[in-house]
Amino acid sequence: MPFEPHPAIYKTPLGACRIHKNLEDAEFASEEFLILDPVNPVAYVQVANVYVTKRKWESVSKVRKATKENNVVKTTRYGWITINNVIHEFRLGDRL
């Protein structure tokens, strides 16, 4: 590219790599993503998910270790809904 891309440009290819189990391109995209934004959890999570689909458990472990070493934190997503004038808060993945 004739210019430095925004890190978000690698999110879509990483997602596609996960869906299509394309390890080689996922590794490339995550490396480029991490050069631009080394503390963004998306790159770590997406490439780890590709490793999981390929059953590359040692690589999954390395990604998780790198996530901890770089102090990368995945933020919890919250939502709210009002039912009968009562506000209910929930987290992504809640089963209650």
PDB file of N, CA and C in Angstrom:
ATOM      1  N   MET A   1       0.837  -1.173   0.000  1.00  0.00           N
ATOM      2  CA  MET A   1       0.000   0.000   0.000  1.00  0.00           C
ATOM      3  C   MET A   1       0.884   1.239   0.000  1.00  0.00           C
ATOM      4  N   PRO A   2       0.461   2.266  -0.695  1.00  0.00           N
ATOM      5  CA  PRO A   2       1.260   3.492  -0.726  1.00  0.00           C
ATOM      6  C   PRO A   2       1.086   4.350   0.524  1.00  0.00           C
ATOM      7  N   PHE A   3       0.300   3.868   1.497  1.00  0.00           N
ATOM      8  CA  PHE A   3       0.079   4.600   2.740  1.00  0.00           C
ATOM      9  C   PHE A   3      -0.046   3.587   3.867  1.00  0.00           C
ATOM     10  N   GLU A   4       0.110   4.064   5.092  1.00  0.00           N
ATOM     11  CA  GLU A   4      -0.028   3.156   6.239  1.00  0.00           C
ATOM     12  C   GLU A   4      -1.515   2.934   6.507  1.00  0.00           C
ATOM     13  N   PRO A   5      -1.961   1.696   6.465  1.00  0.00           N
ATOM     14  CA  PRO A   5      -3.388   1.435   6.664  1.00  0.00           C
ATOM     15  C   PRO A   5      -3.801   1.573   8.127  1.00  0.00           C
ATOM     16  N   HIS A   6      -5.077   1.781   8.316  1.00  0.00           N
ATOM     17  CA  HIS A   6      -5.644   1.777   9.667  1.00  0.00           C
ATOM     18  C   HIS A   6      -5.684   0.319  10.133  1.00  0.00           C
ATOM     19  N   PRO A   7      -5.403   0.036  11.401  1.00  0.00           N
ATOM     20  CA  PRO A   7      -5.397  -1.350  11.882  1.00  0.00           C
ATOM     21  C   PRO A   7      -6.697  -2.101  11.622  1.00  0.00           C
ATOM     22  N   ALA A   8      -7.813  -1.396  11.632  1.00  0.00           N
ATOM     23  CA  ALA A   8      -9.118  -2.046  11.450  1.00  0.00           C
ATOM     24  C   ALA A   8      -9.255  -2.707  10.085  1.00  0.00           C
ATOM     25  N   ILE A   9      -8.405  -2.345   9.141  1.00  0.00           N
ATOM     26  CA  ILE A   9      -8.496  -2.936   7.805  1.00  0.00           C
ATOM     27  C   ILE A   9      -8.224  -4.441   7.839  1.00  0.00           C
ATOM     28  N   TYR A  10      -7.581  -4.904   8.885  1.00  0.00           N
ATOM     29  CA  TYR A  10      -7.256  -6.331   8.986  1.00  0.00           C
ATOM     30  C   TYR A  10      -8.335  -7.153   9.690  1.00  0.00           C
ATOM     31  N   LYS A  11      -9.355  -6.507  10.250  1.00  0.00           N
ATOM     32  CA  LYS A  11     -10.410  -7.244  10.950  1.00  0.00           C
ATOM     33  C   LYS A  11     -11.197  -8.151  10.011  1.00  0.00           C
ATOM     34  N   THR A  12     -11.600  -7.624   8.863  1.00  0.00           N
ATOM     35  CA  THR A  12     -12.405  -8.415   7.927  1.00  0.00           C
ATOM     36  C   THR A  12     -11.636  -9.610   7.379  1.00  0.00           C
ATOM     37  N   PRO A  13     -10.398  -9.428   6.909  1.00  0.00           N
ATOM     38  CA  PRO A  13      -9.662 -10.607   6.438  1.00  0.00           C
ATOM     39  C   PRO A  13      -9.450 -11.654   7.538  1.00  0.00           C
ATOM     40  N   LEU A  14      -9.224 -11.204   8.762  1.00  0.00           N
ATOM     41  CA  LEU A  14      -9.044 -12.164   9.857  1.00  0.00           C
ATOM     42  C   LEU A  14     -10.328 -12.954  10.102  1.00  0.00           C
ATOM     43  N   GLY A  15     -11.447 -12.281  10.052  1.00  0.00           N
ATOM     44  CA  GLY A  15     -12.725 -12.970  10.220  1.00  0.00           C
ATOM     45  C   GLY A  15     -12.969 -13.970   9.099  1.00  0.00           C
ATOM     46  N   ALA A  16     -12.641 -13.581   7.867  1.00  0.00           N
ATOM     47  CA  ALA A  16     -12.803 -14.482   6.724  1.00  0.00           C
ATOM     48  C   ALA A  16     -11.862 -15.676   6.844  1.00  0.00           C
ATOM     49  N   CYS A  17     -10.663 -15.440   7.313  1.00  0.00           N
ATOM     50  CA  CYS A  17      -9.704 -16.537   7.502  1.00  0.00           C
ATOM     51  C   CYS A  17     -10.217 -17.534   8.537  1.00  0.00           C
ATOM     52  N   ARG A  18     -10.839 -17.017   9.578  1.00  0.00           N
ATOM     53  CA  ARG A  18     -11.395 -17.913  10.591  1.00  0.00           C
ATOM     54  C   ARG A  18     -12.509 -18.764   9.984  1.00  0.00           C
ATOM     55  N   ILE A  19     -13.400 -18.143   9.239  1.00  0.00           N
ATOM     56  CA  ILE A  19     -14.520 -18.867   8.631  1.00  0.00           C
ATOM     57  C   ILE A  19     -14.024 -19.927   7.654  1.00  0.00           C
ATOM     58  N   HIS A  20     -13.020 -19.560   6.842  1.00  0.00           N
ATOM     59  CA  HIS A  20     -12.526 -20.463   5.801  1.00  0.00           C
ATOM     60  C   HIS A  20     -11.310 -21.288   6.230  1.00  0.00           C
ATOM     61  N   LYS A  21     -10.936 -21.147   7.505  1.00  0.00           N
ATOM     62  CA  LYS A  21      -9.832 -21.918   8.083  1.00  0.00           C
ATOM     63  C   LYS A  21      -8.528 -21.724   7.310  1.00  0.00           C
ATOM     64  N   ASN A  22      -8.259 -20.485   6.934  1.00  0.00           N
ATOM     65  CA  ASN A  22      -7.077 -20.151   6.153  1.00  0.00           C
ATOM     66  C   ASN A  22      -5.978 -19.654   7.091  1.00  0.00           C
ATOM     67  N   LEU A  23      -5.159 -20.573   7.533  1.00  0.00           N
ATOM     68  CA  LEU A  23      -4.145 -20.282   8.539  1.00  0.00           C
ATOM     69  C   LEU A  23      -3.051 -19.344   8.028  1.00  0.00           C
ATOM     70  N   GLU A  24      -2.573 -19.577   6.829  1.00  0.00           N
ATOM     71  CA  GLU A  24      -1.468 -18.781   6.293  1.00  0.00           C
ATOM     72  C   GLU A  24      -1.836 -17.297   6.207  1.00  0.00           C
ATOM     73  N   ASP A  25      -2.992 -16.994   5.654  1.00  0.00           N
ATOM     74  CA  ASP A  25      -3.408 -15.598   5.539  1.00  0.00           C
ATOM     75  C   ASP A  25      -3.760 -15.001   6.904  1.00  0.00           C
ATOM     76  N   ALA A  26      -4.310 -15.820   7.801  1.00  0.00           N
ATOM     77  CA  ALA A  26      -4.636 -15.335   9.151  1.00  0.00           C
ATOM     78  C   ALA A  26      -3.367 -14.920   9.885  1.00  0.00           C
ATOM     79  N   GLU A  27      -2.317 -15.706   9.748  1.00  0.00           N
ATOM     80  CA  GLU A  27      -1.048 -15.359  10.400  1.00  0.00           C
ATOM     81  C   GLU A  27      -0.496 -14.055   9.837  1.00  0.00           C
ATOM     82  N   PHE A  28      -0.550 -13.909   8.515  1.00  0.00           N
ATOM     83  CA  PHE A  28      -0.056 -12.678   7.889  1.00  0.00           C
ATOM     84  C   PHE A  28      -0.857 -11.471   8.361  1.00  0.00           C
ATOM     85  N   ALA A  29      -2.196 -11.572   8.296  1.00  0.00           N
ATOM     86  CA  ALA A  29      -3.046 -10.446   8.675  1.00  0.00           C
ATOM     87  C   ALA A  29      -2.881 -10.088  10.148  1.00  0.00           C
ATOM     88  N   SER A  30      -2.783 -11.104  11.016  1.00  0.00           N
ATOM     89  CA  SER A  30      -2.635 -10.806  12.443  1.00  0.00           C
ATOM     90  C   SER A  30      -1.278 -10.158  12.728  1.00  0.00           C
ATOM     91  N   GLU A  31      -0.230 -10.602  12.046  1.00  0.00           N
ATOM     92  CA  GLU A  31       1.095  -9.989  12.236  1.00  0.00           C
ATOM     93  C   GLU A  31       1.073  -8.518  11.822  1.00  0.00           C
ATOM     94  N   GLU A  32       0.453  -8.236  10.677  1.00  0.00           N
ATOM     95  CA  GLU A  32       0.372  -6.855  10.207  1.00  0.00           C
ATOM     96  C   GLU A  32      -0.486  -6.012  11.148  1.00  0.00           C
ATOM     97  N   PHE A  33      -1.582  -6.588  11.597  1.00  0.00           N
ATOM     98  CA  PHE A  33      -2.477  -5.910  12.537  1.00  0.00           C
ATOM     99  C   PHE A  33      -1.714  -5.560  13.810  1.00  0.00           C
ATOM    100  N   LEU A  34      -0.952  -6.523  14.337  1.00  0.00           N
ATOM    101  CA  LEU A  34      -0.233  -6.311  15.594  1.00  0.00           C
ATOM    102  C   LEU A  34       0.924  -5.328  15.461  1.00  0.00           C
ATOM    103  N   ILE A  35       1.476  -5.188  14.277  1.00  0.00           N
ATOM    104  CA  ILE A  35       2.498  -4.164  14.053  1.00  0.00           C
ATOM    105  C   ILE A  35       1.874  -2.784  14.237  1.00  0.00           C
ATOM    106  N   LEU A  36       0.653  -2.625  13.704  1.00  0.00           N
ATOM    107  CA  LEU A  36      -0.027  -1.336  13.769  1.00  0.00           C
ATOM    108  C   LEU A  36      -0.687  -1.066  15.120  1.00  0.00           C
ATOM    109  N   ASP A  37      -1.180  -2.119  15.768  1.00  0.00           N
ATOM    110  CA  ASP A  37      -1.912  -1.953  17.029  1.00  0.00           C
ATOM    111  C   ASP A  37      -1.657  -3.174  17.920  1.00  0.00           C
ATOM    112  N   PRO A  38      -0.518  -3.204  18.621  1.00  0.00           N
ATOM    113  CA  PRO A  38      -0.119  -4.402  19.372  1.00  0.00           C
ATOM    114  C   PRO A  38      -0.958  -4.737  20.602  1.00  0.00           C
ATOM    115  N   VAL A  39      -1.848  -3.856  21.024  1.00  0.00           N
ATOM    116  CA  VAL A  39      -2.666  -4.162  22.195  1.00  0.00           C
ATOM    117  C   VAL A  39      -4.145  -4.366  21.846  1.00  0.00           C
ATOM    118  N   ASN A  40      -4.452  -4.506  20.578  1.00  0.00           N
ATOM    119  CA  ASN A  40      -5.832  -4.741  20.168  1.00  0.00           C
ATOM    120  C   ASN A  40      -6.133  -6.230  20.291  1.00  0.00           C
ATOM    121  N   PRO A  41      -7.127  -6.606  21.087  1.00  0.00           N
ATOM    122  CA  PRO A  41      -7.396  -8.028  21.315  1.00  0.00           C
ATOM    123  C   PRO A  41      -7.941  -8.764  20.092  1.00  0.00           C
ATOM    124  N   VAL A  42      -8.471  -8.051  19.126  1.00  0.00           N
ATOM    125  CA  VAL A  42      -9.084  -8.698  17.962  1.00  0.00           C
ATOM    126  C   VAL A  42      -8.098  -9.591  17.232  1.00  0.00           C
ATOM    127  N   ALA A  43      -6.896  -9.100  16.986  1.00  0.00           N
ATOM    128  CA  ALA A  43      -5.900  -9.884  16.252  1.00  0.00           C
ATOM    129  C   ALA A  43      -5.560 -11.168  16.991  1.00  0.00           C
ATOM    130  N   TYR A  44      -5.387 -11.070  18.285  1.00  0.00           N
ATOM    131  CA  TYR A  44      -5.046 -12.247  19.085  1.00  0.00           C
ATOM    132  C   TYR A  44      -6.184 -13.269  19.077  1.00  0.00           C
ATOM    133  N   VAL A  45      -7.392 -12.795  19.296  1.00  0.00           N
ATOM    134  CA  VAL A  45      -8.546 -13.694  19.373  1.00  0.00           C
ATOM    135  C   VAL A  45      -8.793 -14.373  18.028  1.00  0.00           C
ATOM    136  N   GLN A  46      -8.759 -13.599  16.957  1.00  0.00           N
ATOM    137  CA  GLN A  46      -9.057 -14.172  15.641  1.00  0.00           C
ATOM    138  C   GLN A  46      -8.015 -15.210  15.209  1.00  0.00           C
ATOM    139  N   VAL A  47      -6.742 -14.893  15.365  1.00  0.00           N
ATOM    140  CA  VAL A  47      -5.729 -15.863  14.942  1.00  0.00           C
ATOM    141  C   VAL A  47      -5.759 -17.088  15.851  1.00  0.00           C
ATOM    142  N   ALA A  48      -6.032 -16.900  17.132  1.00  0.00           N
ATOM    143  CA  ALA A  48      -6.156 -18.056  18.038  1.00  0.00           C
ATOM    144  C   ALA A  48      -7.323 -18.937  17.604  1.00  0.00           C
ATOM    145  N   ASN A  49      -8.423 -18.329  17.171  1.00  0.00           N
ATOM    146  CA  ASN A  49      -9.569 -19.104  16.700  1.00  0.00           C
ATOM    147  C   ASN A  49      -9.237 -19.920  15.447  1.00  0.00           C
ATOM    148  N   VAL A  50      -8.426 -19.363  14.577  1.00  0.00           N
ATOM    149  CA  VAL A  50      -8.003 -20.120  13.390  1.00  0.00           C
ATOM    150  C   VAL A  50      -7.131 -21.297  13.817  1.00  0.00           C
ATOM    151  N   TYR A  51      -6.228 -21.067  14.764  1.00  0.00           N
ATOM    152  CA  TYR A  51      -5.400 -22.163  15.270  1.00  0.00           C
ATOM    153  C   TYR A  51      -6.263 -23.259  15.893  1.00  0.00           C
ATOM    154  N   VAL A  52      -7.311 -22.868  16.587  1.00  0.00           N
ATOM    155  CA  VAL A  52      -8.213 -23.860  17.186  1.00  0.00           C
ATOM    156  C   VAL A  52      -8.850 -24.715  16.099  1.00  0.00           C
ATOM    157  N   THR A  53      -9.335 -24.076  15.018  1.00  0.00           N
ATOM    158  CA  THR A  53      -9.977 -24.853  13.950  1.00  0.00           C
ATOM    159  C   THR A  53      -9.006 -25.818  13.280  1.00  0.00           C
ATOM    160  N   LYS A  54      -7.729 -25.462  13.300  1.00  0.00           N
ATOM    161  CA  LYS A  54      -6.691 -26.324  12.710  1.00  0.00           C
ATOM    162  C   LYS A  54      -6.073 -27.273  13.738  1.00  0.00           C
ATOM    163  N   ARG A  55      -6.559 -27.207  14.980  1.00  0.00           N
ATOM    164  CA  ARG A  55      -6.073 -28.045  16.076  1.00  0.00           C
ATOM    165  C   ARG A  55      -4.578 -27.855  16.344  1.00  0.00           C
ATOM    166  N   LYS A  56      -4.141 -26.610  16.245  1.00  0.00           N
ATOM    167  CA  LYS A  56      -2.745 -26.250  16.514  1.00  0.00           C
ATOM    168  C   LYS A  56      -2.670 -25.713  17.941  1.00  0.00           C
ATOM    169  N   TRP A  57      -2.771 -26.626  18.903  1.00  0.00           N
ATOM    170  CA  TRP A  57      -2.902 -26.257  20.303  1.00  0.00           C
ATOM    171  C   TRP A  57      -1.671 -25.532  20.847  1.00  0.00           C
ATOM    172  N   GLU A  58      -0.497 -25.890  20.385  1.00  0.00           N
ATOM    173  CA  GLU A  58       0.716 -25.208  20.840  1.00  0.00           C
ATOM    174  C   GLU A  58       0.698 -23.745  20.389  1.00  0.00           C
ATOM    175  N   SER A  59       0.220 -23.505  19.183  1.00  0.00           N
ATOM    176  CA  SER A  59       0.126 -22.129  18.679  1.00  0.00           C
ATOM    177  C   SER A  59      -0.935 -21.337  19.432  1.00  0.00           C
ATOM    178  N   VAL A  60      -2.042 -21.980  19.773  1.00  0.00           N
ATOM    179  CA  VAL A  60      -3.075 -21.328  20.576  1.00  0.00           C
ATOM    180  C   VAL A  60      -2.468 -20.894  21.906  1.00  0.00           C
ATOM    181  N   SER A  61      -1.703 -21.774  22.514  1.00  0.00           N
ATOM    182  CA  SER A  61      -1.061 -21.466  23.787  1.00  0.00           C
ATOM    183  C   SER A  61      -0.104 -20.282  23.655  1.00  0.00           C
ATOM    184  N   LYS A  62       0.662 -20.236  22.559  1.00  0.00           N
ATOM    185  CA  LYS A  62       1.602 -19.128  22.340  1.00  0.00           C
ATOM    186  C   LYS A  62       0.867 -17.798  22.184  1.00  0.00           C
ATOM    187  N   VAL A  63      -0.255 -17.823  21.472  1.00  0.00           N
ATOM    188  CA  VAL A  63      -1.032 -16.589  21.293  1.00  0.00           C
ATOM    189  C   VAL A  63      -1.584 -16.118  22.630  1.00  0.00           C
ATOM    190  N   ARG A  64      -2.106 -17.043  23.420  1.00  0.00           N
ATOM    191  CA  ARG A  64      -2.652 -16.665  24.729  1.00  0.00           C
ATOM    192  C   ARG A  64      -1.553 -16.138  25.651  1.00  0.00           C
ATOM    193  N   LYS A  65      -0.371 -16.734  25.564  1.00  0.00           N
ATOM    194  CA  LYS A  65       0.759 -16.262  26.368  1.00  0.00           C
ATOM    195  C   LYS A  65       1.157 -14.852  25.927  1.00  0.00           C
ATOM    196  N   ALA A  66       1.204 -14.620  24.616  1.00  0.00           N
ATOM    197  CA  ALA A  66       1.549 -13.287  24.098  1.00  0.00           C
ATOM    198  C   ALA A  66       0.514 -12.253  24.523  1.00  0.00           C
ATOM    199  N   THR A  67      -0.748 -12.669  24.563  1.00  0.00           N
ATOM    200  CA  THR A  67      -1.809 -11.773  25.006  1.00  0.00           C
ATOM    201  C   THR A  67      -1.551 -11.312  26.439  1.00  0.00           C
ATOM    202  N   LYS A  68      -1.189 -12.248  27.305  1.00  0.00           N
ATOM    203  CA  LYS A  68      -0.915 -11.906  28.704  1.00  0.00           C
ATOM    204  C   LYS A  68       0.349 -11.072  28.832  1.00  0.00           C
ATOM    205  N   GLU A  69       1.399 -11.452  28.104  1.00  0.00           N
ATOM    206  CA  GLU A  69       2.671 -10.732  28.188  1.00  0.00           C
ATOM    207  C   GLU A  69       2.540  -9.280  27.732  1.00  0.00           C
ATOM    208  N   ASN A  70       1.664  -9.042  26.753  1.00  0.00           N
ATOM    209  CA  ASN A  70       1.477  -7.686  26.227  1.00  0.00           C
ATOM    210  C   ASN A  70       0.360  -6.927  26.939  1.00  0.00           C
ATOM    211  N   ASN A  71      -0.143  -7.523  28.033  1.00  0.00           N
ATOM    212  CA  ASN A  71      -1.210  -6.899  28.826  1.00  0.00           C
ATOM    213  C   ASN A  71      -2.427  -6.511  27.986  1.00  0.00           C
ATOM    214  N   VAL A  72      -2.780  -7.384  27.076  1.00  0.00           N
ATOM    215  CA  VAL A  72      -3.942  -7.154  26.226  1.00  0.00           C
ATOM    216  C   VAL A  72      -5.181  -7.598  26.993  1.00  0.00           C
ATOM    217  N   VAL A  73      -6.164  -6.706  27.057  1.00  0.00           N
ATOM    218  CA  VAL A  73      -7.381  -6.986  27.803  1.00  0.00           C
ATOM    219  C   VAL A  73      -8.574  -6.929  26.857  1.00  0.00           C
ATOM    220  N   LYS A  74      -9.348  -7.989  26.881  1.00  0.00           N
ATOM    221  CA  LYS A  74     -10.577  -8.037  26.094  1.00  0.00           C
ATOM    222  C   LYS A  74     -11.683  -7.460  26.974  1.00  0.00           C
ATOM    223  N   THR A  75     -12.290  -6.372  26.524  1.00  0.00           N
ATOM    224  CA  THR A  75     -13.320  -5.735  27.339  1.00  0.00           C
ATOM    225  C   THR A  75     -14.620  -6.525  27.278  1.00  0.00           C
ATOM    226  N   THR A  76     -15.290  -6.571  28.411  1.00  0.00           N
ATOM    227  CA  THR A  76     -16.572  -7.253  28.495  1.00  0.00           C
ATOM    228  C   THR A  76     -17.644  -6.349  27.914  1.00  0.00           C
ATOM    229  N   ARG A  77     -18.516  -6.931  27.117  1.00  0.00           N
ATOM    230  CA  ARG A  77     -19.607  -6.176  26.509  1.00  0.00           C
ATOM    231  C   ARG A  77     -20.845  -6.264  27.395  1.00  0.00           C
ATOM    232  N   TYR A  78     -21.479  -5.122  27.612  1.00  0.00           N
ATOM    233  CA  TYR A  78     -22.681  -5.058  28.426  1.00  0.00           C
ATOM    234  C   TYR A  78     -23.841  -4.522  27.599  1.00  0.00           C
ATOM    235  N   GLY A  79     -25.038  -4.873  28.022  1.00  0.00           N
ATOM    236  CA  GLY A  79     -26.241  -4.345  27.405  1.00  0.00           C
ATOM    237  C   GLY A  79     -27.278  -4.100  28.475  1.00  0.00           C
ATOM    238  N   TRP A  80     -28.262  -3.307  28.129  1.00  0.00           N
ATOM    239  CA  TRP A  80     -29.349  -3.004  29.050  1.00  0.00           C
ATOM    240  C   TRP A  80     -30.666  -3.126  28.312  1.00  0.00           C
ATOM    241  N   ILE A  81     -31.683  -3.545  29.028  1.00  0.00           N
ATOM    242  CA  ILE A  81     -33.022  -3.613  28.472  1.00  0.00           C
ATOM    243  C   ILE A  81     -34.004  -3.230  29.575  1.00  0.00           C
ATOM    244  N   THR A  82     -35.041  -2.506  29.185  1.00  0.00           N
ATOM    245  CA  THR A  82     -36.072  -2.113  30.146  1.00  0.00           C
ATOM    246  C   THR A  82     -37.299  -2.985  29.934  1.00  0.00           C
ATOM    247  N   ILE A  83     -37.729  -3.641  31.000  1.00  0.00           N
ATOM    248  CA  ILE A  83     -38.936  -4.464  30.972  1.00  0.00           C
ATOM    249  C   ILE A  83     -39.808  -4.027  32.141  1.00  0.00           C
ATOM    250  N   ASN A  84     -41.032  -3.615  31.841  1.00  0.00           N
ATOM    251  CA  ASN A  84     -41.960  -3.132  32.876  1.00  0.00           C
ATOM    252  C   ASN A  84     -41.325  -2.046  33.744  1.00  0.00           C
ATOM    253  N   ASN A  85     -40.676  -1.094  33.104  1.00  0.00           N
ATOM    254  CA  ASN A  85     -40.027   0.041  33.765  1.00  0.00           C
ATOM    255  C   ASN A  85     -38.891  -0.354  34.710  1.00  0.00           C
ATOM    256  N   VAL A  86     -38.342  -1.554  34.537  1.00  0.00           N
ATOM    257  CA  VAL A  86     -37.192  -2.001  35.318  1.00  0.00           C
ATOM    258  C   VAL A  86     -36.036  -2.224  34.350  1.00  0.00           C
ATOM    259  N   ILE A  87     -34.898  -1.615  34.656  1.00  0.00           N
ATOM    260  CA  ILE A  87     -33.726  -1.759  33.792  1.00  0.00           C
ATOM    261  C   ILE A  87     -32.956  -3.007  34.194  1.00  0.00           C
ATOM    262  N   HIS A  88     -32.696  -3.865  33.234  1.00  0.00           N
ATOM    263  CA  HIS A  88     -31.940  -5.097  33.460  1.00  0.00           C
ATOM    264  C   HIS A  88     -30.619  -4.988  32.707  1.00  0.00           C
ATOM    265  N   GLU A  89     -29.533  -5.279  33.412  1.00  0.00           N
ATOM    266  CA  GLU A  89     -28.205  -5.246  32.810  1.00  0.00           C
ATOM    267  C   GLU A  89     -27.761  -6.679  32.555  1.00  0.00           C
ATOM    268  N   PHE A  90     -27.072  -6.907  31.432  1.00  0.00           N
ATOM    269  CA  PHE A  90     -26.553  -8.232  31.139  1.00  0.00           C
ATOM    270  C   PHE A  90     -25.222  -8.114  30.423  1.00  0.00           C
ATOM    271  N   ARG A  91     -24.443  -9.170  30.520  1.00  0.00           N
ATOM    272  CA  ARG A  91     -23.153  -9.250  29.836  1.00  0.00           C
ATOM    273  C   ARG A  91     -23.298 -10.116  28.598  1.00  0.00           C
ATOM    274  N   LEU A  92     -22.436  -9.901  27.643  1.00  0.00           N
ATOM    275  CA  LEU A  92     -22.407 -10.752  26.459  1.00  0.00           C
ATOM    276  C   LEU A  92     -22.184 -12.187  26.900  1.00  0.00           C
ATOM    277  N   GLY A  93     -23.059 -13.075  26.476  1.00  0.00           N
ATOM    278  CA  GLY A  93     -22.942 -14.475  26.835  1.00  0.00           C
ATOM    279  C   GLY A  93     -23.714 -14.877  28.075  1.00  0.00           C
ATOM    280  N   ASP A  94     -24.354 -13.897  28.747  1.00  0.00           N
ATOM    281  CA  ASP A  94     -25.156 -14.220  29.926  1.00  0.00           C
ATOM    282  C   ASP A  94     -26.253 -15.211  29.580  1.00  0.00           C
ATOM    283  N   ARG A  95     -26.563 -16.111  30.486  1.00  0.00           N
ATOM    284  CA  ARG A  95     -27.623 -17.087  30.275  1.00  0.00           C
ATOM    285  C   ARG A  95     -28.826 -16.859  31.198  1.00  0.00           C
ATOM    286  N   LEU A  96     -28.717 -15.853  32.066  1.00  0.00           N
ATOM    287  CA  LEU A  96     -29.789 -15.626  33.034  1.00  0.00           C
ATOM    288  C   LEU A  96     -31.024 -15.037  32.402  1.00  0.00           C
TER     289      LEU A  96
END
